[in-house]
């Protein structure tokens, strides 16, 4: 069976909601199948400060992944006015959904990863480093593991305390977040599966030290990772076409191949 490109799948029949009020947004996955059988898959998680979804970090990236033989799924998750843990709940559901439907999508459930940018990189990193999502609806999808086997993080927010991105913190946690929760949701305090990280040194939105802090933690714990820092490029580059940082896609594809993807 060949799936149509850009096929949209709702993640929930009735998505769990936070205690607050907000728009009735239904999280979705948009599938971009690769021309492979039993191949790897990646959940693409765009950024947007937990306030919106950056489209340039979604579908174009998924098309690139499909072109290198990786099944891709763009996650459109709930953002402000929804607070933590709702975005994490949606991301965990996405990984579970893809694994549960592995036969339908012709992919290998053991090779499901996440690729996130900026705030989406933070969300991807939370899943990759073992953040436990809260209980969900308890259906067959929920029986699959929510933990990705590999993570690719582009100019990610990794710390909510060191060089914090205050707008993203506020959109995710509200105006007065608990200090213990800020620490708990900071990635340098965590370790996870193999990771590919990239950033630009002059990023004025998310300081490059976010990637450096995570890389240092991964090195201290002897984890498999690769870090690329490019000399220039505005925040929110996505594929970064026509810019020096565009080299990240070639480097990332090579890293995925070395990982057996």
Protein backbone atom coordinates (compact mmCIF):
# COMPACT_ATOMS: atom_id res chain seq x y z
CA UNK A 1 0.00 0.00 0.00
CA UNK A 2 1.29 3.43 -0.92
CA UNK A 3 0.16 6.25 1.35
CA UNK A 4 -0.71 9.60 -0.17
CA UNK A 5 1.71 12.41 0.61
CA UNK A 6 0.65 14.88 3.24
CA UNK A 7 -1.99 12.57 4.68
CA UNK A 8 -3.31 14.10 7.92
CA UNK A 9 -4.07 11.92 10.93
CA UNK A 10 -5.76 13.20 14.10
CA UNK A 11 -3.95 11.92 17.20
CA UNK A 12 -6.98 11.70 19.43
CA UNK A 13 -10.71 11.16 19.03
CA UNK A 14 -11.21 13.38 22.06
CA UNK A 15 -7.91 15.00 23.09
CA UNK A 16 -7.28 15.34 26.83
CA UNK A 17 -7.46 18.96 27.94
CA UNK A 18 -5.76 21.00 30.60
CA UNK A 19 -7.80 22.55 33.40
CA UNK A 20 -7.81 25.89 31.61
CA UNK A 21 -9.87 26.98 28.63
CA UNK A 22 -8.57 27.21 25.12
CA UNK A 23 -9.41 26.68 21.47
CA UNK A 24 -10.63 23.25 20.48
CA UNK A 25 -7.49 22.45 18.54
CA UNK A 26 -7.05 18.78 17.65
CA UNK A 27 -3.38 17.75 17.41
CA UNK A 28 -2.48 16.05 14.14
CA UNK A 29 0.31 14.22 12.36
CA UNK A 30 0.86 14.86 8.66
CA UNK A 31 2.53 11.86 7.03
CA UNK A 32 5.19 12.07 4.33
CA UNK A 33 6.04 8.44 3.48
CA UNK A 34 9.45 7.57 2.09
CA UNK A 35 9.93 5.09 -0.71
CA UNK A 36 11.16 2.41 1.69
CA UNK A 37 9.75 -0.63 3.46
CA UNK A 38 10.48 -1.17 7.15
CA UNK A 39 12.54 2.01 7.14
CA UNK A 40 13.15 4.52 9.94
CA UNK A 41 10.73 7.29 10.85
CA UNK A 42 11.04 10.76 12.34
CA UNK A 43 8.47 12.91 14.11
CA UNK A 44 9.12 16.53 13.05
CA UNK A 45 8.29 18.99 15.84
CA UNK A 46 8.33 22.63 14.67
CA UNK A 47 9.13 25.48 17.02
CA UNK A 48 7.22 28.66 17.72
CA UNK A 49 7.96 29.61 21.37
CA UNK A 50 5.11 27.35 22.51
CA UNK A 51 2.87 30.13 21.16
CA UNK A 52 2.39 29.02 17.55
CA UNK A 53 3.63 26.40 15.06
CA UNK A 54 6.38 27.48 12.63
CA UNK A 55 5.33 26.14 9.25
CA UNK A 56 8.79 26.56 7.69
CA UNK A 57 10.08 24.01 10.22
CA UNK A 58 7.42 21.47 9.36
CA UNK A 59 6.46 20.28 5.89
CA UNK A 60 9.68 21.32 4.06
CA UNK A 61 11.73 19.38 6.58
CA UNK A 62 9.46 16.35 6.26
CA UNK A 63 9.82 16.38 2.48
CA UNK A 64 13.61 16.46 2.86
CA UNK A 65 13.52 13.49 5.25
CA UNK A 66 11.29 11.47 2.94
CA UNK A 67 13.74 12.24 0.14
CA UNK A 68 16.61 10.60 2.08
CA UNK A 69 14.55 7.51 2.90
CA UNK A 70 13.14 8.45 6.30
CA UNK A 71 9.37 8.33 6.81
CA UNK A 72 8.39 11.73 8.23
CA UNK A 73 5.44 12.92 10.29
CA UNK A 74 4.87 16.59 11.11
CA UNK A 75 3.35 17.12 14.54
CA UNK A 76 1.02 20.05 15.05
CA UNK A 77 0.68 20.14 18.81
CA UNK A 78 -1.24 22.35 21.21
CA UNK A 79 0.36 25.59 22.35
CA UNK A 80 -0.60 28.58 24.53
CA UNK A 81 -3.20 28.89 26.06
CA UNK A 82 -2.51 25.21 26.71
CA UNK A 83 0.26 24.77 29.26
CA UNK A 84 2.62 21.99 30.24
CA UNK A 85 2.11 19.03 30.20
CA UNK A 86 -0.27 19.31 27.21
CA UNK A 87 2.45 19.80 24.52
CA UNK A 88 4.43 16.87 25.96
CA UNK A 89 1.28 14.77 26.02
CA UNK A 90 0.75 15.47 22.31
CA UNK A 91 4.38 14.69 21.44
CA UNK A 92 4.33 11.42 23.37
CA UNK A 93 1.08 10.46 21.67
CA UNK A 94 2.69 11.13 18.28
CA UNK A 95 5.55 8.70 18.92
CA UNK A 96 3.13 6.10 20.26
CA UNK A 97 0.79 6.61 17.27
CA UNK A 98 3.57 6.05 14.73
CA UNK A 99 4.87 2.97 16.54
CA UNK A 100 1.39 1.50 16.93
CA UNK A 101 0.69 1.95 13.22
CA UNK A 102 4.16 0.84 12.08
CA UNK A 103 2.82 -1.91 9.82
CA UNK A 104 0.33 0.46 8.21
CA UNK A 105 3.06 3.03 7.51
CA UNK A 106 5.64 0.40 6.44
CA UNK A 107 8.21 1.48 9.01
CA UNK A 108 10.43 -0.03 11.67
CA UNK A 109 8.95 0.64 15.15
CA UNK A 110 12.41 0.29 16.72
CA UNK A 111 13.69 3.22 14.64
CA UNK A 112 11.32 6.06 15.47
CA UNK A 113 13.04 9.34 16.28
CA UNK A 114 12.23 13.00 16.83
CA UNK A 115 13.51 16.08 15.03
CA UNK A 116 12.68 19.40 16.68
CA UNK A 117 13.52 23.07 16.26
CA UNK A 118 13.77 25.76 18.94
CA UNK A 119 10.87 25.19 21.37
CA UNK A 120 10.05 22.08 19.34
CA UNK A 121 13.65 21.02 19.99
CA UNK A 122 12.98 21.37 23.69
CA UNK A 123 9.85 19.25 23.37
CA UNK A 124 11.71 16.63 21.32
CA UNK A 125 14.52 16.65 23.85
CA UNK A 126 12.14 16.11 26.75
CA UNK A 127 10.81 12.96 25.11
CA UNK A 128 14.28 11.77 24.13
CA UNK A 129 15.61 12.20 27.67
CA UNK A 130 12.85 10.19 29.24
CA UNK A 131 10.30 12.74 30.43
CA UNK A 132 7.36 10.67 31.57
CA UNK A 133 4.12 11.92 30.04
CA UNK A 134 1.08 11.83 32.28
CA UNK A 135 -1.57 9.11 31.90
CA UNK A 136 -3.60 9.41 28.72
CA UNK A 137 -6.70 7.67 27.39
CA UNK A 138 -5.49 4.08 27.82
CA UNK A 139 -6.32 2.85 24.31
CA UNK A 140 -4.24 0.53 22.11
CA UNK A 141 -2.04 3.41 20.91
CA UNK A 142 -1.06 4.19 24.49
CA UNK A 143 0.49 0.74 24.90
CA UNK A 144 3.36 1.69 22.57
CA UNK A 145 6.51 3.31 23.96
CA UNK A 146 6.66 7.14 23.78
CA UNK A 147 10.46 7.26 23.95
CA UNK A 148 12.29 7.95 20.67
CA UNK A 149 15.37 5.99 19.66
CA UNK A 150 17.25 9.05 18.36
CA UNK A 151 16.89 12.84 18.42
CA UNK A 152 17.87 15.67 16.08
CA UNK A 153 17.68 19.12 17.67
CA UNK A 154 18.04 22.33 15.68
CA UNK A 155 18.87 25.52 17.63
CA UNK A 156 16.98 24.01 20.58
CA UNK A 157 15.90 25.57 23.84
CA UNK A 158 17.58 23.21 26.29
CA UNK A 159 17.57 25.08 29.59
CA UNK A 160 14.73 26.94 31.25
CA UNK A 161 17.13 28.43 33.83
CA UNK A 162 20.47 29.19 32.12
CA UNK A 163 20.16 31.89 29.43
CA UNK A 164 16.39 31.26 29.47
CA UNK A 165 14.07 32.11 26.61
CA UNK A 166 11.56 33.89 28.82
CA UNK A 167 8.70 34.13 26.27
CA UNK A 168 8.82 30.37 25.66
CA UNK A 169 8.99 29.69 29.40
CA UNK A 170 5.90 31.83 29.90
CA UNK A 171 3.91 30.25 27.07
CA UNK A 172 4.73 26.75 28.35
CA UNK A 173 4.44 27.25 32.11
CA UNK A 174 2.60 30.51 32.70
CA UNK A 175 3.79 33.75 34.28
CA UNK A 176 5.05 32.35 37.60
CA UNK A 177 6.61 28.90 37.03
CA UNK A 178 7.86 26.87 39.95
CA UNK A 179 11.67 26.85 40.16
CA UNK A 180 11.77 23.08 40.71
CA UNK A 181 9.75 22.54 37.52
CA UNK A 182 12.13 24.80 35.58
CA UNK A 183 14.99 22.56 36.65
CA UNK A 184 13.05 19.38 35.95
CA UNK A 185 12.30 20.46 32.38
CA UNK A 186 15.85 21.58 31.57
CA UNK A 187 17.56 19.11 29.25
CA UNK A 188 21.17 19.43 30.53
CA UNK A 189 20.01 17.68 33.69
CA UNK A 190 19.01 14.71 31.55
CA UNK A 191 20.68 12.25 29.18
CA UNK A 192 19.18 10.22 26.39
CA UNK A 193 19.68 8.32 23.13
CA UNK A 194 22.01 9.35 20.28
CA UNK A 195 21.60 13.03 19.41
CA UNK A 196 22.53 15.32 16.54
CA UNK A 197 22.63 18.99 17.55
CA UNK A 198 23.11 22.10 15.44
CA UNK A 199 23.00 25.83 16.13
CA UNK A 200 24.38 29.14 14.83
CA UNK A 201 26.83 31.06 16.98
CA UNK A 202 25.11 34.42 16.45
CA UNK A 203 21.55 33.26 17.19
CA UNK A 204 20.03 36.22 19.04
CA UNK A 205 16.83 34.42 20.05
CA UNK A 206 18.05 31.14 21.53
CA UNK A 207 21.64 31.52 22.72
CA UNK A 208 24.06 28.97 21.25
CA UNK A 209 25.00 28.10 24.83
CA UNK A 210 21.77 26.10 24.99
CA UNK A 211 23.27 23.53 22.61
CA UNK A 212 26.69 23.76 24.25
CA UNK A 213 25.22 23.05 27.69
CA UNK A 214 23.44 19.95 26.44
CA UNK A 215 26.49 18.76 24.51
CA UNK A 216 28.63 19.12 27.63
CA UNK A 217 26.18 17.03 29.63
CA UNK A 218 26.07 14.35 26.94
CA UNK A 219 29.89 14.28 26.84
CA UNK A 220 30.14 14.00 30.63
CA UNK A 221 27.80 11.01 30.52
CA UNK A 222 29.66 9.43 27.57
CA UNK A 223 26.63 9.51 25.32
CA UNK A 224 26.66 9.32 21.52
CA UNK A 225 26.17 12.79 20.03
CA UNK A 226 27.33 15.13 17.29
CA UNK A 227 27.32 18.93 17.51
CA UNK A 228 27.64 21.45 14.68
CA UNK A 229 27.88 25.20 15.31
CA UNK A 230 27.73 27.40 12.21
CA UNK A 231 29.15 30.94 12.26
CA UNK A 232 26.03 32.82 11.25
CA UNK A 233 22.33 32.55 10.63
CA UNK A 234 19.17 34.03 12.07
CA UNK A 235 16.98 32.00 14.39
CA UNK A 236 14.29 29.83 12.84
CA UNK A 237 16.22 28.75 9.76
CA UNK A 238 14.57 25.39 9.17
CA UNK A 239 16.42 23.84 6.24
CA UNK A 240 18.52 27.04 5.99
CA UNK A 241 18.55 26.85 2.20
CA UNK A 242 21.07 29.17 0.57
CA UNK A 243 22.90 29.84 3.84
CA UNK A 244 26.09 28.36 5.35
CA UNK A 245 24.05 26.52 7.96
CA UNK A 246 22.34 24.56 5.17
CA UNK A 247 25.21 22.12 5.59
CA UNK A 248 23.38 20.74 8.62
CA UNK A 249 21.19 18.56 6.40
CA UNK A 250 24.17 16.83 4.78
CA UNK A 251 25.83 16.32 8.16
CA UNK A 252 22.61 15.05 9.68
CA UNK A 253 21.96 12.59 6.84
CA UNK A 254 25.47 11.20 7.31
CA UNK A 255 24.90 10.89 11.08
CA UNK A 256 21.64 9.03 10.51
CA UNK A 257 23.37 6.60 8.16
CA UNK A 258 26.09 5.94 10.76
CA UNK A 259 23.33 5.15 13.25
CA UNK A 260 21.88 2.58 10.89
CA UNK A 261 19.04 4.79 9.73
